[in-house]
Protein backbone atom coordinates (compact mmCIF):
# COMPACT_ATOMS: atom_id res chain seq x y z
CA MET A 1 -33.64 4.82 0.56
CA ALA A 2 -31.41 6.40 3.21
CA LYS A 3 -28.23 8.13 2.13
CA VAL A 4 -25.03 6.29 3.04
CA SER A 5 -21.77 8.16 2.52
CA ALA A 6 -18.05 7.45 2.75
CA LEU A 7 -15.02 9.72 2.93
CA ILE A 8 -11.73 8.61 1.35
CA VAL A 9 -8.63 10.38 2.66
CA ASP A 10 -5.31 9.83 0.88
CA ASP A 11 -2.69 12.12 -0.63
CA ALA A 12 -2.13 9.75 -3.57
CA PRO A 13 -4.71 10.18 -6.38
CA PHE A 14 -3.96 6.66 -7.65
CA ILE A 15 -4.90 5.13 -4.30
CA ARG A 16 -8.06 7.24 -4.01
CA ASP A 17 -9.12 6.14 -7.49
CA LEU A 18 -8.37 2.52 -6.62
CA ILE A 19 -10.56 2.67 -3.52
CA LYS A 20 -13.37 4.51 -5.31
CA LYS A 21 -13.42 1.94 -8.10
CA ALA A 22 -13.62 -0.94 -5.62
CA LEU A 23 -16.38 0.69 -3.57
CA ARG A 24 -18.50 1.69 -6.58
CA GLY A 25 -18.26 -1.82 -7.97
CA GLN A 26 -19.31 -3.49 -4.71
CA PHE A 27 -21.60 -0.86 -3.15
CA PRO A 28 -23.39 1.01 -5.97
CA GLY A 29 -25.59 3.00 -3.57
CA LEU A 30 -22.66 4.42 -1.61
CA GLN A 31 -22.02 8.16 -1.98
CA ILE A 32 -18.30 8.94 -1.98
CA GLU A 33 -16.35 12.08 -1.13
CA GLU A 34 -12.58 12.42 -1.04
CA ALA A 35 -9.89 14.56 0.62
CA VAL A 36 -6.24 14.93 -0.35
CA ASN A 37 -4.94 15.04 3.24
CA GLY A 38 -5.99 15.08 6.87
CA ARG A 39 -6.46 18.85 6.99
CA LYS A 40 -8.89 18.84 4.06
CA ALA A 41 -10.72 15.90 5.61
CA GLN A 42 -11.00 17.77 8.91
CA GLN A 43 -12.65 20.67 7.10
CA LEU A 44 -15.13 18.32 5.40
CA LEU A 45 -15.92 16.50 8.64
CA SER A 46 -16.53 19.82 10.39
CA ARG A 47 -19.27 20.64 7.87
CA GLN A 48 -20.97 17.31 7.26
CA GLY A 49 -21.29 13.81 8.60
CA PHE A 50 -20.13 10.55 7.00
CA ASP A 51 -21.10 6.96 7.67
CA LEU A 52 -17.61 5.61 6.94
CA ILE A 53 -14.07 6.98 6.80
CA LEU A 54 -11.21 5.28 4.93
CA CYS A 55 -7.97 7.05 5.73
CA ASP A 56 -4.27 6.82 4.90
CA TRP A 57 -1.74 7.22 7.71
CA GLU A 58 1.18 9.16 6.17
CA MET A 59 -0.03 12.42 4.63
CA PRO A 60 1.16 16.04 4.50
CA GLU A 61 -0.25 18.74 6.82
CA MET A 62 -2.15 16.28 9.04
CA SER A 63 -1.54 12.55 9.33
CA GLY A 64 -4.25 9.91 9.45
CA LEU A 65 -3.53 9.28 13.13
CA GLU A 66 -3.90 12.97 13.96
CA LEU A 67 -7.17 13.09 12.03
CA LEU A 68 -8.41 10.00 13.88
CA GLN A 69 -7.54 11.49 17.27
CA TRP A 70 -9.27 14.77 16.40
CA PHE A 71 -12.33 13.01 14.98
CA ARG A 72 -12.84 10.76 18.01
CA GLY A 73 -12.89 13.90 20.14
CA GLN A 74 -15.93 15.26 18.28
CA PRO A 75 -19.44 14.72 19.71
CA GLY A 76 -21.30 11.79 18.14
CA SER A 77 -18.28 10.30 16.37
CA GLU A 78 -17.99 7.19 18.53
CA LYS A 79 -20.04 4.89 16.27
CA THR A 80 -18.68 6.07 12.91
CA PRO A 81 -16.37 3.41 11.41
CA PHE A 82 -12.85 4.72 10.83
CA ILE A 83 -10.68 2.32 8.82
CA MET A 84 -6.95 3.00 8.49
CA VAL A 85 -5.69 2.09 5.01
CA THR A 86 -1.91 2.17 5.10
CA SER A 87 1.41 0.42 4.56
CA ARG A 88 2.19 0.81 8.26
CA GLY A 89 1.48 -2.66 9.59
CA ASP A 90 4.02 -2.93 12.40
CA LYS A 91 2.78 -3.74 15.88
CA GLU A 92 3.59 -0.38 17.49
CA ASN A 93 1.61 1.59 14.90
CA VAL A 94 -1.36 -0.77 15.13
CA ILE A 95 -1.46 -0.42 18.93
CA GLU A 96 -1.27 3.37 18.64
CA ALA A 97 -4.16 3.42 16.16
CA ILE A 98 -6.27 1.12 18.36
CA GLN A 99 -5.68 3.33 21.38
CA SER A 100 -6.79 6.33 19.32
CA GLY A 101 -10.08 4.66 18.37
CA VAL A 102 -9.55 3.06 14.97
CA SER A 103 -12.34 0.68 13.94
CA ASP A 104 -10.34 -1.55 11.63
CA TYR A 105 -7.11 -1.72 9.69
CA ILE A 106 -6.19 -2.81 6.16
CA GLY A 107 -2.63 -2.91 4.92
CA LYS A 108 -1.37 -1.76 1.54
CA PRO A 109 -1.26 -3.38 -0.91
CA PHE A 110 -4.79 -4.79 -0.78
CA THR A 111 -7.21 -6.48 -3.14
CA SER A 112 -10.71 -5.25 -3.98
CA ASP A 113 -12.14 -8.25 -2.14
CA GLN A 114 -10.17 -7.44 1.01
CA LEU A 115 -11.29 -3.82 0.95
CA SER A 116 -14.91 -4.75 0.25
CA ALA A 117 -14.93 -7.25 3.12
CA LYS A 118 -13.67 -4.61 5.54
CA VAL A 119 -16.21 -2.02 4.38
CA LYS A 120 -19.08 -4.51 4.45
CA LYS A 121 -18.22 -5.53 8.01
CA ALA A 122 -17.92 -1.90 9.14
CA LEU A 123 -21.24 -0.84 7.60
CA HIS A 124 -22.97 -3.93 9.00
CA ARG A 125 -21.76 -3.13 12.52
CA SER A 126 -22.95 0.46 12.24
CA GLY A 127 -26.35 -0.61 10.84
CA LYS A 128 -25.82 1.15 7.50
CA LEU A 129 -25.35 -1.84 5.21
CA GLU A 130 -29.07 -2.49 4.89
CA ALA A 131 -29.63 1.08 3.77
CA LEU A 132 -27.65 0.54 0.58
CA SER A 133 -29.65 -0.43 -2.49
CA GLY A 134 -28.98 -3.51 -4.57
CA ARG A 135 -27.75 -6.94 -3.71
CA GLN A 136 -24.28 -6.97 -2.21
CA PRO A 137 -21.88 -9.56 -3.66
CA GLN A 138 -20.48 -12.19 -1.34
CA THR A 139 -16.93 -11.65 -0.13
CA SER A 140 -14.66 -14.23 1.30
CA THR A 141 -14.22 -14.28 5.08
CA ALA A 142 -10.62 -15.28 4.49
CA ALA A 143 -9.88 -11.59 3.97
CA ALA A 144 -10.11 -11.19 7.73
CA HIS A 145 -6.58 -12.53 8.10
CA ASP A 146 -5.21 -9.00 7.68
CA SER A 147 -7.44 -7.61 10.40
CA VAL A 148 -6.22 -5.82 13.51
CA SER A 149 -5.82 -9.08 15.43
CA HIS A 150 -3.62 -10.48 12.68
CA LEU A 151 -1.57 -7.31 12.38
CA MET A 152 -1.01 -7.34 16.12
CA GLY A 153 1.13 -10.39 15.48
CA GLY A 154 3.40 -8.29 13.32
CA LYS A 155 2.72 -10.26 10.14
CA LEU A 156 2.35 -8.89 6.65
CA ALA A 157 -1.10 -8.96 5.04
CA VAL A 158 -1.62 -11.70 2.46
CA ALA A 159 -4.19 -11.53 -0.31
CA ASP A 160 -7.43 -13.44 0.09
CA GLY A 161 -6.89 -17.12 -0.59
CA ALA A 162 -3.26 -16.65 -1.59
CA LYS A 163 -0.51 -18.93 -0.36
CA PRO A 164 3.07 -17.81 0.28
CA THR A 165 5.23 -18.52 -2.73
CA ALA A 166 7.68 -21.32 -2.09
CA LYS A 167 11.21 -19.98 -1.84
CA ALA A 168 13.68 -21.07 -4.45
CA PRO A 169 16.67 -22.99 -3.11
CA VAL A 170 19.12 -20.09 -3.37
CA VAL A 171 21.46 -18.71 -0.79
CA ASN A 172 20.91 -15.02 -1.50
CA PRO A 173 18.21 -13.85 -3.96
CA PHE A 174 19.46 -10.26 -3.79
CA GLU A 175 22.96 -11.29 -4.84
CA GLN A 176 21.65 -13.42 -7.69
CA ALA A 177 19.41 -10.61 -8.91
CA ALA A 178 22.30 -8.19 -8.79
CA GLN A 179 24.52 -10.57 -10.76
CA ALA A 180 21.81 -11.07 -13.36
CA ALA A 181 21.27 -7.33 -13.69
CA ASN A 182 24.96 -6.54 -13.95
CA THR A 183 25.72 -9.23 -16.54
CA THR A 184 22.85 -8.30 -18.87
CA ALA A 185 24.17 -6.00 -21.57
CA LYS A 186 21.07 -5.86 -23.73
CA SER A 187 19.31 -3.18 -21.68
CA ALA A 188 20.14 0.47 -22.20
CA PRO A 189 22.00 2.11 -19.27
CA GLU A 190 20.07 4.45 -17.02
CA PRO A 191 21.15 8.10 -16.64
CA GLU A 192 24.06 8.38 -14.18
CA GLU A 193 22.24 10.73 -11.81
CA ARG A 194 19.53 8.10 -11.28
CA SER A 195 21.85 5.15 -10.67
CA VAL A 196 21.21 3.64 -7.23
CA LYS A 197 22.65 0.30 -6.20
CA GLY A 198 20.86 -1.50 -3.42
CA GLN A 199 18.22 -3.88 -2.21
CA ALA A 200 14.54 -3.45 -1.49
CA GLN A 201 11.35 -5.39 -1.02
CA LEU A 202 8.37 -5.09 -3.35
CA ARG A 203 5.06 -6.02 -1.78
CA LEU A 204 2.11 -6.77 -4.03
CA ALA A 205 -1.19 -8.25 -2.90
CA GLY A 206 -0.39 -11.79 -1.83
CA GLU A 207 3.19 -11.70 -3.08
CA GLN A 208 6.57 -10.40 -1.90
CA PHE A 209 9.57 -9.93 -4.16
CA ALA A 210 13.14 -9.47 -3.03
CA CYS A 211 14.53 -7.04 -5.56
CA VAL A 212 17.61 -5.10 -6.54
CA VAL A 213 17.21 -1.37 -7.15
CA LYS A 214 18.93 -0.40 -10.40
CA ALA A 215 17.70 3.16 -10.85
CA LEU A 216 15.75 5.63 -8.77
CA SER A 217 14.18 9.05 -9.29
CA LEU A 218 11.52 11.11 -7.56
CA ARG A 219 8.98 9.68 -10.02
CA ASP A 220 9.89 6.02 -10.47
CA ALA A 221 12.16 3.10 -9.67
CA LEU A 222 13.66 0.37 -11.84
CA VAL A 223 14.07 -2.91 -9.98
CA VAL A 224 15.12 -6.44 -10.89
CA VAL A 225 13.13 -9.39 -9.50
CA ARG A 226 13.21 -13.15 -9.93
CA ARG A 227 10.44 -14.52 -12.13
CA ALA A 228 7.79 -16.27 -10.03
CA GLU A 229 4.63 -18.23 -10.77
CA ARG A 230 2.60 -15.03 -10.53
CA LEU A 231 4.09 -12.09 -12.42
CA PRO A 232 3.62 -8.44 -11.43
CA GLN A 233 0.72 -6.99 -13.41
CA VAL A 234 0.75 -3.58 -15.11
CA PHE A 235 -1.18 -0.99 -13.05
CA GLU A 236 -1.14 -3.28 -10.01
CA SER A 237 -0.67 -1.31 -6.79
CA GLY A 238 1.98 -2.19 -4.24
CA VAL A 239 4.48 -0.96 -1.67
CA LEU A 240 8.24 -0.64 -2.16
CA ASP A 241 10.17 -0.82 1.11
CA LEU A 242 13.37 1.23 0.87
CA GLU A 243 16.01 1.63 3.56
CA GLN A 244 18.92 4.05 3.58
CA ASP A 245 22.31 2.73 4.67
CA ALA A 246 23.35 5.93 6.43
CA ASP A 247 20.76 5.98 9.22
CA GLN A 248 18.81 2.74 8.64
CA SER A 249 15.63 4.80 8.11
CA ILE A 250 12.93 3.20 6.00
CA ALA A 251 10.30 4.55 3.65
CA ARG A 252 7.30 2.55 2.49
CA MET A 253 6.60 4.04 -0.91
CA ASN A 254 3.19 3.46 -2.49
CA VAL A 255 3.68 2.46 -6.10
CA TYR A 256 2.01 0.94 -9.11
CA VAL A 257 3.57 -1.34 -11.73
CA HIS A 258 4.22 0.67 -14.88
CA SER A 259 5.97 -1.96 -16.98
CA VAL A 260 7.38 -5.48 -16.79
CA ALA A 261 10.04 -6.76 -19.19
CA ALA A 262 12.24 -9.83 -19.47
CA MET A 263 15.95 -9.19 -19.11
CA GLU A 264 16.77 -11.58 -21.94
CA VAL A 265 15.12 -12.50 -25.24
CA SER A 266 14.16 -15.96 -24.06
CA VAL A 267 10.91 -17.64 -23.00
CA ASP A 268 12.65 -19.13 -19.97
CA CYS A 269 14.20 -15.86 -18.83
CA GLU A 270 14.60 -16.01 -15.04
CA TRP A 271 14.89 -12.29 -14.25
CA LEU A 272 12.50 -9.40 -14.86
CA LYS A 273 12.93 -5.65 -15.01
CA VAL A 274 10.01 -3.92 -13.30
CA THR A 275 9.41 -0.19 -13.54
CA LEU A 276 7.45 1.21 -10.59
CA LYS A 277 5.80 4.62 -10.50
CA PHE A 278 5.57 6.40 -7.15
CA VAL A 279 2.10 7.70 -6.24
CA ASP A 280 2.84 9.45 -2.91
CA GLN A 281 2.54 13.22 -2.68
CA ASP A 282 3.92 13.44 0.85
CA PRO A 283 6.85 15.96 0.97
CA GLN A 284 8.55 13.89 3.68
CA LYS A 285 8.68 10.85 1.43
CA LEU A 286 9.93 12.92 -1.49
CA GLU A 287 12.63 14.35 0.74
CA TYR A 288 13.60 10.84 1.77
CA LEU A 289 13.85 9.79 -1.87
CA SER A 290 16.07 12.80 -2.57
CA ARG A 291 18.45 11.74 0.22
CA LEU A 292 18.44 8.16 -1.01
CA ILE A 293 19.25 9.22 -4.57
CA ALA A 294 22.02 11.49 -3.30
CA SER A 295 23.56 8.70 -1.22
CA GLY A 296 23.36 6.26 -4.12
CA SER A 297 22.53 3.25 -2.00
CA ALA A 298 19.53 1.45 -0.58
CA GLN A 299 19.00 -1.83 1.17
CA ARG A 300 16.11 -4.01 2.03
CA HIS A 301 14.42 -3.68 5.40
CA TYR A 302 14.59 -7.14 6.95
CA SER A 303 12.22 -6.63 9.89
CA PRO A 304 9.29 -9.09 9.65
CA SER A 305 6.93 -6.29 10.76
CA ALA A 306 7.77 -3.93 7.88
């Protein structure tokens, strides 16, 4: 059996573990290495070859785009699949990655089936899929809707087989969430230095939640969301889009769901408190969070390409 290897590049240990778990479950013969940023990946790629590269975009020291541009300049790298795994799904970034030689694109958050479908397609195109031992499980072709061609339209990725949740007939979900949060006295108040009033968008695989930010630190965020048919699941990965009022800058923070609690002691409680843990190690994102905490305000990014 021929050796087939993959390199995972991401500064967030949680994301690397998530990808490794998905790949080991679907491709048991795949040998996996990992790098904490683009610079470490460059050193690995200078010493050995890989049959597949899965790389984040925003990382310290060297970004995923810079690594891609360097890698495509190396002899014999033309046929190696390079998949960008990132929360950057806007049209301009996708075009830039395509021009630099990216093979495919998958947006965060993603499901195991979506990731497996991308990897299976990439290995098949490079002729390496057959070299893996064991029978590969079938994956739905519907996962292709978050491919490069789909992202070129500026749309957000949707989980395989999922349908957009029907919007409730409300004028402003942010305002309603804020009212619910402010009128609930049962929850203990957060420390003053972490209090941040504002709006954000929580993106989970196949689901988007308009939310109100109630507290923010460099480690976590407390948000209030409307209860939907599908609830956020503990340890589920996602992306929290935060925008600062002062300069309208936006940060797409990789997160996982740490806890979910009803805001009232009632089975028909409409609002949920969701604690999100940040998994990014990028100093630029941490600096952004520091500015956001200092300003005490955040608002949702409304662009459909976010």
